[in-house]
Structures are given as structure tokens and as C-alpha cells.
PDB file of all heavy atoms in Angstrom:
ATOM      1  N   LEU A   1      14.204   7.535 -10.628  1.00  0.00           N
ATOM      2  CA  LEU A   1      14.491   6.638  -9.417  1.00  0.00           C
ATOM      3  C   LEU A   1      14.817   7.543  -8.164  1.00  0.00           C
ATOM      4  O   LEU A   1      14.299   7.307  -7.100  1.00  0.00           O
ATOM      5  CB  LEU A   1      15.548   5.569  -9.633  1.00  0.00           C
ATOM      6  CG  LEU A   1      15.808   4.665  -8.520  1.00  0.00           C
ATOM      7  CD1 LEU A   1      14.653   3.784  -8.316  1.00  0.00           C
ATOM      8  CD2 LEU A   1      17.132   3.758  -8.866  1.00  0.00           C
ATOM      9  N   VAL A   2      15.627   8.457  -8.356  1.00  0.00           N
ATOM     10  CA  VAL A   2      16.043   9.519  -7.362  1.00  0.00           C
ATOM     11  C   VAL A   2      14.779  10.279  -6.837  1.00  0.00           C
ATOM     12  O   VAL A   2      14.566  10.423  -5.673  1.00  0.00           O
ATOM     13  CB  VAL A   2      17.158  10.389  -7.797  1.00  0.00           C
ATOM     14  CG1 VAL A   2      17.273  11.644  -6.862  1.00  0.00           C
ATOM     15  CG2 VAL A   2      18.470   9.697  -7.905  1.00  0.00           C
ATOM     16  N   GLY A   3      13.910  10.758  -7.834  1.00  0.00           N
ATOM     17  CA  GLY A   3      12.737  11.424  -7.305  1.00  0.00           C
ATOM     18  C   GLY A   3      11.848  10.646  -6.520  1.00  0.00           C
ATOM     19  O   GLY A   3      11.330  11.131  -5.434  1.00  0.00           O
ATOM     20  N   ARG A   4      11.603   9.403  -7.001  1.00  0.00           N
ATOM     21  CA  ARG A   4      10.684   8.566  -6.239  1.00  0.00           C
ATOM     22  C   ARG A   4      11.408   8.271  -4.930  1.00  0.00           C
ATOM     23  O   ARG A   4      10.588   8.037  -3.786  1.00  0.00           O
ATOM     24  CB  ARG A   4      10.328   7.210  -6.959  1.00  0.00           C
ATOM     25  CG  ARG A   4       9.397   7.564  -8.133  1.00  0.00           C
ATOM     26  CD  ARG A   4       9.117   6.301  -8.834  1.00  0.00           C
ATOM     27  NE  ARG A   4       8.287   6.482 -10.091  1.00  0.00           N
ATOM     28  CZ  ARG A   4       7.952   5.679 -11.012  1.00  0.00           C
ATOM     29  NH1 ARG A   4       8.547   4.444 -10.935  1.00  0.00           N
ATOM     30  NH2 ARG A   4       7.217   5.965 -11.966  1.00  0.00           N
ATOM     31  N   SER A   5      12.630   7.801  -4.843  1.00  0.00           N
ATOM     32  CA  SER A   5      13.264   7.518  -3.664  1.00  0.00           C
ATOM     33  C   SER A   5      13.272   8.557  -2.594  1.00  0.00           C
ATOM     34  O   SER A   5      12.923   8.388  -1.389  1.00  0.00           O
ATOM     35  CB  SER A   5      14.621   7.048  -3.939  1.00  0.00           C
ATOM     36  OG  SER A   5      14.576   5.854  -4.750  1.00  0.00           O
ATOM     37  N   SER A   6      13.610   9.765  -3.077  1.00  0.00           N
ATOM     38  CA  SER A   6      13.645  10.998  -2.210  1.00  0.00           C
ATOM     39  C   SER A   6      12.280  11.254  -1.569  1.00  0.00           C
ATOM     40  O   SER A   6      12.181  11.659  -0.434  1.00  0.00           O
ATOM     41  CB  SER A   6      14.177  12.152  -2.801  1.00  0.00           C
ATOM     42  OG  SER A   6      13.290  12.616  -3.865  1.00  0.00           O
ATOM     43  N   MET A   7      11.193  11.011  -2.370  1.00  0.00           N
ATOM     44  CA  MET A   7       9.865  11.204  -1.792  1.00  0.00           C
ATOM     45  C   MET A   7       9.490  10.328  -0.702  1.00  0.00           C
ATOM     46  O   MET A   7       9.021  10.606   0.396  1.00  0.00           O
ATOM     47  CB  MET A   7       8.799  11.102  -2.953  1.00  0.00           C
ATOM     48  CG  MET A   7       7.258  11.373  -2.486  1.00  0.00           C
ATOM     49  SD  MET A   7       6.307  11.416  -3.860  1.00  0.00           S
ATOM     50  CE  MET A   7       6.326   9.746  -4.590  1.00  0.00           C
ATOM     51  N   VAL A   8       9.916   9.041  -0.863  1.00  0.00           N
ATOM     52  CA  VAL A   8       9.735   8.011   0.224  1.00  0.00           C
ATOM     53  C   VAL A   8      10.599   8.140   1.387  1.00  0.00           C
ATOM     54  O   VAL A   8      10.023   8.307   2.563  1.00  0.00           O
ATOM     55  CB  VAL A   8       9.949   6.666  -0.462  1.00  0.00           C
ATOM     56  CG1 VAL A   8      10.014   5.632   0.669  1.00  0.00           C
ATOM     57  CG2 VAL A   8       9.006   6.166  -1.488  1.00  0.00           C
ATOM     58  N   VAL A   9      11.767   8.621   1.189  1.00  0.00           N
ATOM     59  CA  VAL A   9      12.670   8.933   2.304  1.00  0.00           C
ATOM     60  C   VAL A   9      12.280  10.171   3.045  1.00  0.00           C
ATOM     61  O   VAL A   9      12.311  10.209   4.296  1.00  0.00           O
ATOM     62  CB  VAL A   9      14.184   9.242   1.727  1.00  0.00           C
ATOM     63  CG1 VAL A   9      15.055   9.631   2.858  1.00  0.00           C
ATOM     64  CG2 VAL A   9      14.679   7.670   1.270  1.00  0.00           C
ATOM     65  N   ASN A  10      11.989  11.244   2.311  1.00  0.00           N
ATOM     66  CA  ASN A  10      11.443  12.436   3.059  1.00  0.00           C
ATOM     67  C   ASN A  10      10.262  12.106   3.809  1.00  0.00           C
ATOM     68  O   ASN A  10      10.009  12.740   5.000  1.00  0.00           O
ATOM     69  CB  ASN A  10      11.130  13.504   2.003  1.00  0.00           C
ATOM     70  CG  ASN A  10      12.458  14.203   1.446  1.00  0.00           C
ATOM     71  OD1 ASN A  10      13.525  13.933   2.154  1.00  0.00           O
ATOM     72  ND2 ASN A  10      12.268  14.724   0.364  1.00  0.00           N
ATOM     73  N   ALA A  11       9.192  11.370   3.347  1.00  0.00           N
ATOM     74  CA  ALA A  11       8.063  10.913   4.081  1.00  0.00           C
ATOM     75  C   ALA A  11       8.405  10.188   5.355  1.00  0.00           C
ATOM     76  O   ALA A  11       7.928  10.377   6.370  1.00  0.00           O
ATOM     77  CB  ALA A  11       7.131  10.078   3.209  1.00  0.00           C
ATOM     78  N   ALA A  12       9.400   9.335   5.200  1.00  0.00           N
ATOM     79  CA  ALA A  12       9.834   8.535   6.308  1.00  0.00           C
ATOM     80  C   ALA A  12      10.547   9.446   7.383  1.00  0.00           C
ATOM     81  O   ALA A  12      10.351   9.118   8.561  1.00  0.00           O
ATOM     82  CB  ALA A  12      10.864   7.419   5.826  1.00  0.00           C
ATOM     83  N   PHE A  13      11.284  10.409   6.947  1.00  0.00           N
ATOM     84  CA  PHE A  13      11.894  11.281   7.927  1.00  0.00           C
ATOM     85  C   PHE A  13      10.817  12.203   8.650  1.00  0.00           C
ATOM     86  O   PHE A  13      11.081  12.402   9.748  1.00  0.00           O
ATOM     87  CB  PHE A  13      12.928  12.267   7.253  1.00  0.00           C
ATOM     88  CG  PHE A  13      14.250  11.611   6.957  1.00  0.00           C
ATOM     89  CD1 PHE A  13      14.787  11.493   5.758  1.00  0.00           C
ATOM     90  CD2 PHE A  13      14.966  11.273   8.126  1.00  0.00           C
ATOM     91  CE1 PHE A  13      16.031  10.884   5.497  1.00  0.00           C
ATOM     92  CE2 PHE A  13      16.308  10.704   7.953  1.00  0.00           C
ATOM     93  CZ  PHE A  13      16.816  10.513   6.611  1.00  0.00           C
ATOM     94  N   VAL A  14       9.799  12.528   7.948  1.00  0.00           N
ATOM     95  CA  VAL A  14       8.786  13.358   8.588  1.00  0.00           C
ATOM     96  C   VAL A  14       8.136  12.457   9.694  1.00  0.00           C
ATOM     97  O   VAL A  14       7.953  12.825  10.812  1.00  0.00           O
ATOM     98  CB  VAL A  14       7.632  13.750   7.623  1.00  0.00           C
ATOM     99  CG1 VAL A  14       6.334  14.246   8.320  1.00  0.00           C
ATOM    100  CG2 VAL A  14       8.303  14.899   6.729  1.00  0.00           C
ATOM    101  N   LEU A  15       7.824  11.162   9.418  1.00  0.00           N
ATOM    102  CA  LEU A  15       7.254  10.274  10.326  1.00  0.00           C
ATOM    103  C   LEU A  15       8.261  10.097  11.550  1.00  0.00           C
ATOM    104  O   LEU A  15       7.859  10.024  12.732  1.00  0.00           O
ATOM    105  CB  LEU A  15       6.876   8.995   9.691  1.00  0.00           C
ATOM    106  CG  LEU A  15       5.745   9.032   8.791  1.00  0.00           C
ATOM    107  CD1 LEU A  15       5.626   7.607   8.166  1.00  0.00           C
ATOM    108  CD2 LEU A  15       4.404   9.301   9.560  1.00  0.00           C
ATOM    109  N   ALA A  16       9.527   9.941  11.299  1.00  0.00           N
ATOM    110  CA  ALA A  16      10.501   9.681  12.296  1.00  0.00           C
ATOM    111  C   ALA A  16      10.607  10.793  13.199  1.00  0.00           C
ATOM    112  O   ALA A  16      10.678  10.674  14.388  1.00  0.00           O
ATOM    113  CB  ALA A  16      11.866   9.392  11.700  1.00  0.00           C
ATOM    114  N   ILE A  17      10.604  12.091  12.721  1.00  0.00           N
ATOM    115  CA  ILE A  17      10.581  13.328  13.478  1.00  0.00           C
ATOM    116  C   ILE A  17       9.360  13.429  14.291  1.00  0.00           C
ATOM    117  O   ILE A  17       9.384  13.805  15.559  1.00  0.00           O
ATOM    118  CB  ILE A  17      10.717  14.520  12.668  1.00  0.00           C
ATOM    119  CG1 ILE A  17      12.279  14.441  12.004  1.00  0.00           C
ATOM    120  CG2 ILE A  17      10.563  15.869  13.386  1.00  0.00           C
ATOM    121  CD1 ILE A  17      12.490  15.547  10.939  1.00  0.00           C
ATOM    122  N   ILE A  18       8.199  13.121  13.770  1.00  0.00           N
ATOM    123  CA  ILE A  18       6.976  13.111  14.523  1.00  0.00           C
ATOM    124  C   ILE A  18       6.954  12.159  15.623  1.00  0.00           C
ATOM    125  O   ILE A  18       6.612  12.371  16.874  1.00  0.00           O
ATOM    126  CB  ILE A  18       5.729  12.839  13.713  1.00  0.00           C
ATOM    127  CG1 ILE A  18       5.503  14.040  12.705  1.00  0.00           C
ATOM    128  CG2 ILE A  18       4.449  12.543  14.482  1.00  0.00           C
ATOM    129  CD1 ILE A  18       4.572  13.960  11.738  1.00  0.00           C
ATOM    130  N   VAL A  19       7.467  10.819  15.288  1.00  0.00           N
ATOM    131  CA  VAL A  19       7.512   9.913  16.505  1.00  0.00           C
ATOM    132  C   VAL A  19       8.566  10.204  17.547  1.00  0.00           C
ATOM    133  O   VAL A  19       8.231  10.149  18.744  1.00  0.00           O
ATOM    134  CB  VAL A  19       7.896   8.517  15.852  1.00  0.00           C
ATOM    135  CG1 VAL A  19       8.316   7.437  16.882  1.00  0.00           C
ATOM    136  CG2 VAL A  19       6.781   7.975  15.049  1.00  0.00           C
ATOM    137  N   ALA A  20       9.651  10.832  17.116  1.00  0.00           N
ATOM    138  CA  ALA A  20      10.600  11.259  18.161  1.00  0.00           C
ATOM    139  C   ALA A  20      10.136  12.391  18.933  1.00  0.00           C
ATOM    140  O   ALA A  20      10.405  12.394  20.182  1.00  0.00           O
ATOM    141  CB  ALA A  20      11.865  11.745  17.366  1.00  0.00           C
ATOM    142  N   GLY A  21       9.467  13.255  18.458  1.00  0.00           N
ATOM    143  CA  GLY A  21       8.858  14.346  19.198  1.00  0.00           C
ATOM    144  C   GLY A  21       7.756  13.891  20.091  1.00  0.00           C
ATOM    145  O   GLY A  21       7.658  14.280  21.289  1.00  0.00           O
ATOM    146  N   ALA A  22       6.940  12.897  19.634  1.00  0.00           N
ATOM    147  CA  ALA A  22       5.905  12.253  20.567  1.00  0.00           C
ATOM    148  C   ALA A  22       6.523  11.526  21.667  1.00  0.00           C
ATOM    149  O   ALA A  22       5.967  11.685  22.822  1.00  0.00           O
ATOM    150  CB  ALA A  22       5.002  11.407  19.816  1.00  0.00           C
ATOM    151  N   VAL A  23       7.504  10.809  21.441  1.00  0.00           N
ATOM    152  CA  VAL A  23       8.275   9.963  22.462  1.00  0.00           C
ATOM    153  C   VAL A  23       8.839  11.007  23.535  1.00  0.00           C
ATOM    154  O   VAL A  23       8.787  10.764  24.708  1.00  0.00           O
ATOM    155  CB  VAL A  23       9.299   9.077  21.918  1.00  0.00           C
ATOM    156  CG1 VAL A  23      10.251   8.494  23.017  1.00  0.00           C
ATOM    157  CG2 VAL A  23       8.587   7.934  21.094  1.00  0.00           C
ATOM    158  N   GLY A  24       9.401  12.046  23.019  1.00  0.00           N
ATOM    159  CA  GLY A  24      10.085  13.080  23.916  1.00  0.00           C
ATOM    160  C   GLY A  24       9.018  13.787  24.671  1.00  0.00           C
ATOM    161  O   GLY A  24       9.309  14.121  25.838  1.00  0.00           O
ATOM    162  N   MET A  25       7.861  13.984  24.200  1.00  0.00           N
ATOM    163  CA  MET A  25       6.785  14.719  25.068  1.00  0.00           C
ATOM    164  C   MET A  25       6.104  13.772  25.976  1.00  0.00           C
ATOM    165  O   MET A  25       5.666  14.277  27.068  1.00  0.00           O
ATOM    166  CB  MET A  25       5.805  15.409  24.142  1.00  0.00           C
ATOM    167  CG  MET A  25       6.382  16.571  23.283  1.00  0.00           C
ATOM    168  SD  MET A  25       5.207  17.453  22.362  1.00  0.00           S
ATOM    169  CE  MET A  25       4.677  16.329  21.100  1.00  0.00           C
ATOM    170  N   THR A  26       5.887  12.530  25.612  1.00  0.00           N
ATOM    171  CA  THR A  26       5.031  11.690  26.538  1.00  0.00           C
ATOM    172  C   THR A  26       5.831  10.972  27.605  1.00  0.00           C
ATOM    173  O   THR A  26       5.329  10.760  28.644  1.00  0.00           O
ATOM    174  CB  THR A  26       4.361  10.617  25.614  1.00  0.00           C
ATOM    175  OG1 THR A  26       5.324   9.805  24.948  1.00  0.00           O
ATOM    176  CG2 THR A  26       3.370  11.241  24.646  1.00  0.00           C
ATOM    177  N   HIS A  27       7.021  10.680  27.272  1.00  0.00           N
ATOM    178  CA  HIS A  27       7.876  10.137  28.245  1.00  0.00           C
ATOM    179  C   HIS A  27       8.632  11.055  29.136  1.00  0.00           C
ATOM    180  O   HIS A  27       9.473  11.892  28.543  1.00  0.00           O
ATOM    181  CB  HIS A  27       8.801   8.924  27.780  1.00  0.00           C
ATOM    182  CG  HIS A  27       7.943   7.750  27.233  1.00  0.00           C
ATOM    183  ND1 HIS A  27       7.082   7.847  26.361  1.00  0.00           N
ATOM    184  CD2 HIS A  27       8.073   6.498  27.592  1.00  0.00           C
ATOM    185  CE1 HIS A  27       6.591   6.677  26.074  1.00  0.00           C
ATOM    186  NE2 HIS A  27       7.151   5.909  26.824  1.00  0.00           N
ATOM    187  N   GLY A  28       8.671  11.131  30.402  1.00  0.00           N
ATOM    188  CA  GLY A  28       9.133  12.173  31.182  1.00  0.00           C
ATOM    189  C   GLY A  28      10.538  11.850  31.737  1.00  0.00           C
ATOM    190  O   GLY A  28      11.082  12.559  32.362  1.00  0.00           O
ATOM    191  N   THR A  29      11.050  10.617  31.554  1.00  0.00           N
ATOM    192  CA  THR A  29      12.339  10.274  32.038  1.00  0.00           C
ATOM    193  C   THR A  29      13.530  10.980  31.260  1.00  0.00           C
ATOM    194  O   THR A  29      13.362  11.238  30.173  1.00  0.00           O
ATOM    195  CB  THR A  29      12.638   8.627  32.084  1.00  0.00           C
ATOM    196  OG1 THR A  29      12.747   8.309  30.611  1.00  0.00           O
ATOM    197  CG2 THR A  29      11.462   7.967  32.806  1.00  0.00           C
ATOM    198  N   LEU A  30      14.501  11.155  32.177  1.00  0.00           N
ATOM    199  CA  LEU A  30      15.577  11.948  31.568  1.00  0.00           C
ATOM    200  C   LEU A  30      16.406  10.943  30.414  1.00  0.00           C
ATOM    201  O   LEU A  30      16.862  11.469  29.430  1.00  0.00           O
ATOM    202  CB  LEU A  30      16.811  12.250  32.582  1.00  0.00           C
ATOM    203  CG  LEU A  30      18.058  12.948  32.248  1.00  0.00           C
ATOM    204  CD1 LEU A  30      17.596  14.332  31.727  1.00  0.00           C
ATOM    205  CD2 LEU A  30      18.879  13.023  33.453  1.00  0.00           C
ATOM    206  N   GLN A  31      16.402   9.775  30.660  1.00  0.00           N
ATOM    207  CA  GLN A  31      17.022   8.765  29.755  1.00  0.00           C
ATOM    208  C   GLN A  31      16.320   8.984  28.353  1.00  0.00           C
ATOM    209  O   GLN A  31      17.001   8.840  27.280  1.00  0.00           O
ATOM    210  CB  GLN A  31      17.043   7.339  30.285  1.00  0.00           C
ATOM    211  CG  GLN A  31      17.857   6.443  29.387  1.00  0.00           C
ATOM    212  CD  GLN A  31      17.948   5.007  30.046  1.00  0.00           C
ATOM    213  OE1 GLN A  31      17.272   4.728  31.048  1.00  0.00           O
ATOM    214  NE2 GLN A  31      18.644   4.201  29.458  1.00  0.00           N
ATOM    215  N   ILE A  32      15.037   8.870  28.330  1.00  0.00           N
ATOM    216  CA  ILE A  32      14.311   8.890  26.937  1.00  0.00           C
ATOM    217  C   ILE A  32      14.556  10.243  26.300  1.00  0.00           C
ATOM    218  O   ILE A  32      14.831  10.313  25.048  1.00  0.00           O
ATOM    219  CB  ILE A  32      12.876   8.760  27.238  1.00  0.00           C
ATOM    220  CG1 ILE A  32      12.460   7.248  27.677  1.00  0.00           C
ATOM    221  CG2 ILE A  32      11.974   8.942  25.948  1.00  0.00           C
ATOM    222  CD1 ILE A  32      12.825   6.247  26.921  1.00  0.00           C
ATOM    223  N   ARG A  33      14.439  11.279  26.991  1.00  0.00           N
ATOM    224  CA  ARG A  33      14.806  12.578  26.439  1.00  0.00           C
ATOM    225  C   ARG A  33      16.251  12.652  25.931  1.00  0.00           C
ATOM    226  O   ARG A  33      16.587  13.259  24.783  1.00  0.00           O
ATOM    227  CB  ARG A  33      14.641  13.694  27.463  1.00  0.00           C
ATOM    228  CG  ARG A  33      13.245  14.071  27.708  1.00  0.00           C
ATOM    229  CD  ARG A  33      12.938  15.108  28.617  1.00  0.00           C
ATOM    230  NE  ARG A  33      11.605  15.328  28.979  1.00  0.00           N
ATOM    231  CZ  ARG A  33      11.176  15.979  29.993  1.00  0.00           C
ATOM    232  NH1 ARG A  33      11.975  16.559  30.692  1.00  0.00           N
ATOM    233  NH2 ARG A  33       9.960  16.062  30.185  1.00  0.00           N
ATOM    234  N   TYR A  34      17.182  12.116  26.499  1.00  0.00           N
ATOM    235  CA  TYR A  34      18.569  12.034  26.073  1.00  0.00           C
ATOM    236  C   TYR A  34      18.727  11.106  24.853  1.00  0.00           C
ATOM    237  O   TYR A  34      19.479  11.515  23.890  1.00  0.00           O
ATOM    238  CB  TYR A  34      19.461  11.477  27.198  1.00  0.00           C
ATOM    239  CG  TYR A  34      20.990  11.460  26.904  1.00  0.00           C
ATOM    240  CD1 TYR A  34      21.563  12.714  26.777  1.00  0.00           C
ATOM    241  CD2 TYR A  34      21.553  10.366  26.547  1.00  0.00           C
ATOM    242  CE1 TYR A  34      23.008  12.697  26.358  1.00  0.00           C
ATOM    243  CE2 TYR A  34      22.869  10.359  26.176  1.00  0.00           C
ATOM    244  CZ  TYR A  34      23.658  11.453  26.202  1.00  0.00           C
ATOM    245  OH  TYR A  34      24.925  11.588  25.839  1.00  0.00           O
ATOM    246  N   GLU A  35      17.999  10.164  24.714  1.00  0.00           N
ATOM    247  CA  GLU A  35      18.021   9.278  23.486  1.00  0.00           C
ATOM    248  C   GLU A  35      17.461  10.001  22.307  1.00  0.00           C
ATOM    249  O   GLU A  35      17.917   9.864  21.228  1.00  0.00           O
ATOM    250  CB  GLU A  35      17.361   7.969  23.742  1.00  0.00           C
ATOM    251  CG  GLU A  35      18.118   7.011  24.690  1.00  0.00           C
ATOM    252  CD  GLU A  35      17.450   5.883  25.071  1.00  0.00           C
ATOM    253  OE1 GLU A  35      16.337   5.558  24.565  1.00  0.00           O
ATOM    254  OE2 GLU A  35      17.927   4.982  25.857  1.00  0.00           O
ATOM    255  N   VAL A  36      16.375  10.766  22.631  1.00  0.00           N
ATOM    256  CA  VAL A  36      15.720  11.568  21.485  1.00  0.00           C
ATOM    257  C   VAL A  36      16.734  12.632  21.085  1.00  0.00           C
ATOM    258  O   VAL A  36      16.897  12.869  19.748  1.00  0.00           O
ATOM    259  CB  VAL A  36      14.404  12.135  21.869  1.00  0.00           C
ATOM    260  CG1 VAL A  36      13.915  13.125  20.799  1.00  0.00           C
ATOM    261  CG2 VAL A  36      13.457  11.114  22.226  1.00  0.00           C
ATOM    262  N   LYS A  37      17.464  13.276  21.968  1.00  0.00           N
ATOM    263  CA  LYS A  37      18.543  14.209  21.455  1.00  0.00           C
ATOM    264  C   LYS A  37      19.627  13.567  20.709  1.00  0.00           C
ATOM    265  O   LYS A  37      20.246  14.186  19.790  1.00  0.00           O
ATOM    266  CB  LYS A  37      19.139  14.889  22.740  1.00  0.00           C
ATOM    267  CG  LYS A  37      18.227  15.819  23.383  1.00  0.00           C
ATOM    268  CD  LYS A  37      18.924  16.452  24.604  1.00  0.00           C
ATOM    269  CE  LYS A  37      17.978  17.422  25.428  1.00  0.00           C
ATOM    270  NZ  LYS A  37      18.602  17.908  26.529  1.00  0.00           N
ATOM    271  N   ASP A  38      20.061  12.310  20.882  1.00  0.00           N
ATOM    272  CA  ASP A  38      20.882  11.584  20.175  1.00  0.00           C
ATOM    273  C   ASP A  38      20.444  11.244  18.800  1.00  0.00           C
ATOM    274  O   ASP A  38      21.121  11.213  17.882  1.00  0.00           O
ATOM    275  CB  ASP A  38      21.436  10.301  20.893  1.00  0.00           C
ATOM    276  CG  ASP A  38      22.232  10.619  21.973  1.00  0.00           C
ATOM    277  OD1 ASP A  38      22.881  11.711  21.946  1.00  0.00           O
ATOM    278  OD2 ASP A  38      22.451   9.650  22.727  1.00  0.00           O
ATOM    279  N   LEU A  39      19.252  11.095  18.621  1.00  0.00           N
ATOM    280  CA  LEU A  39      18.515  10.618  17.385  1.00  0.00           C
ATOM    281  C   LEU A  39      18.408  11.815  16.362  1.00  0.00           C
ATOM    282  O   LEU A  39      18.619  11.686  15.208  1.00  0.00           O
ATOM    283  CB  LEU A  39      17.163  10.055  17.655  1.00  0.00           C
ATOM    284  CG  LEU A  39      16.348   9.549  16.497  1.00  0.00           C
ATOM    285  CD1 LEU A  39      17.208   8.274  15.927  1.00  0.00           C
ATOM    286  CD2 LEU A  39      14.963   9.167  16.780  1.00  0.00           C
ATOM    287  N   ILE A  40      18.277  13.108  16.886  1.00  0.00           N
ATOM    288  CA  ILE A  40      18.006  14.197  16.048  1.00  0.00           C
ATOM    289  C   ILE A  40      19.275  14.527  15.045  1.00  0.00           C
ATOM    290  O   ILE A  40      19.016  14.710  13.983  1.00  0.00           O
ATOM    291  CB  ILE A  40      17.619  15.455  16.839  1.00  0.00           C
ATOM    292  CG1 ILE A  40      16.263  15.234  17.369  1.00  0.00           C
ATOM    293  CG2 ILE A  40      17.652  16.780  15.947  1.00  0.00           C
ATOM    294  CD1 ILE A  40      15.701  16.320  18.323  1.00  0.00           C
ATOM    295  N   PRO A  41      20.494  14.506  15.524  1.00  0.00           N
ATOM    296  CA  PRO A  41      21.593  14.692  14.699  1.00  0.00           C
ATOM    297  C   PRO A  41      21.703  13.700  13.558  1.00  0.00           C
ATOM    298  O   PRO A  41      22.023  13.980  12.367  1.00  0.00           O
ATOM    299  CB  PRO A  41      22.903  14.679  15.560  1.00  0.00           C
ATOM    300  CG  PRO A  41      22.286  15.042  16.912  1.00  0.00           C
ATOM    301  CD  PRO A  41      20.998  14.524  16.908  1.00  0.00           C
ATOM    302  N   ARG A  42      21.461  12.397  13.943  1.00  0.00           N
ATOM    303  CA  ARG A  42      21.427  11.316  12.985  1.00  0.00           C
ATOM    304  C   ARG A  42      20.324  11.480  11.924  1.00  0.00           C
ATOM    305  O   ARG A  42      20.610  11.206  10.738  1.00  0.00           O
ATOM    306  CB  ARG A  42      21.248  10.018  13.621  1.00  0.00           C
ATOM    307  CG  ARG A  42      22.418   9.571  14.643  1.00  0.00           C
ATOM    308  CD  ARG A  42      22.309   8.365  15.399  1.00  0.00           C
ATOM    309  NE  ARG A  42      23.382   8.194  16.207  1.00  0.00           N
ATOM    310  CZ  ARG A  42      23.320   7.721  17.303  1.00  0.00           C
ATOM    311  NH1 ARG A  42      22.125   7.233  17.897  1.00  0.00           N
ATOM    312  NH2 ARG A  42      24.336   7.525  18.105  1.00  0.00           N
ATOM    313  N   LEU A  43      19.266  11.958  12.244  1.00  0.00           N
ATOM    314  CA  LEU A  43      18.159  12.255  11.392  1.00  0.00           C
ATOM    315  C   LEU A  43      18.498  13.386  10.335  1.00  0.00           C
ATOM    316  O   LEU A  43      18.374  13.310   9.201  1.00  0.00           O
ATOM    317  CB  LEU A  43      16.924  12.573  12.074  1.00  0.00           C
ATOM    318  CG  LEU A  43      16.156  11.503  12.720  1.00  0.00           C
ATOM    319  CD1 LEU A  43      14.861  12.026  13.560  1.00  0.00           C
ATOM    320  CD2 LEU A  43      15.636  10.469  11.755  1.00  0.00           C
ATOM    321  N   VAL A  44      19.108  14.500  10.994  1.00  0.00           N
ATOM    322  CA  VAL A  44      19.522  15.537  10.036  1.00  0.00           C
ATOM    323  C   VAL A  44      20.683  15.090   9.050  1.00  0.00           C
ATOM    324  O   VAL A  44      20.600  15.480   7.895  1.00  0.00           O
ATOM    325  CB  VAL A  44      20.153  16.686  10.925  1.00  0.00           C
ATOM    326  CG1 VAL A  44      20.812  17.831  10.141  1.00  0.00           C
ATOM    327  CG2 VAL A  44      18.997  17.315  11.701  1.00  0.00           C
TER     328      VAL A  44
END
């Protein structure tokens, strides 16, 4: 169960990091970049 769950969770983390990077690169406002910076420690 741990093996299967960790595979799903790690795939979800990869997707979350890609989405956070895409949002940070495409939106130029300071507020969006600040929110992405808040999300990274939580992801780690």
C-alpha cells in the first residue's frame, strides 16, 4: 500500500511543481509570484 500510494503522491507532486512553475512563468504580477513562493515550502 505504501509503495502504490507513494507512486501516486510523487506523480501528483511532479504535476503540482510543473503547474506552479507554469503559473509563475506565465503570470507576471507580483502577487501570483508571491503565492507560488508560498506554495513551494508546503510542497517540500
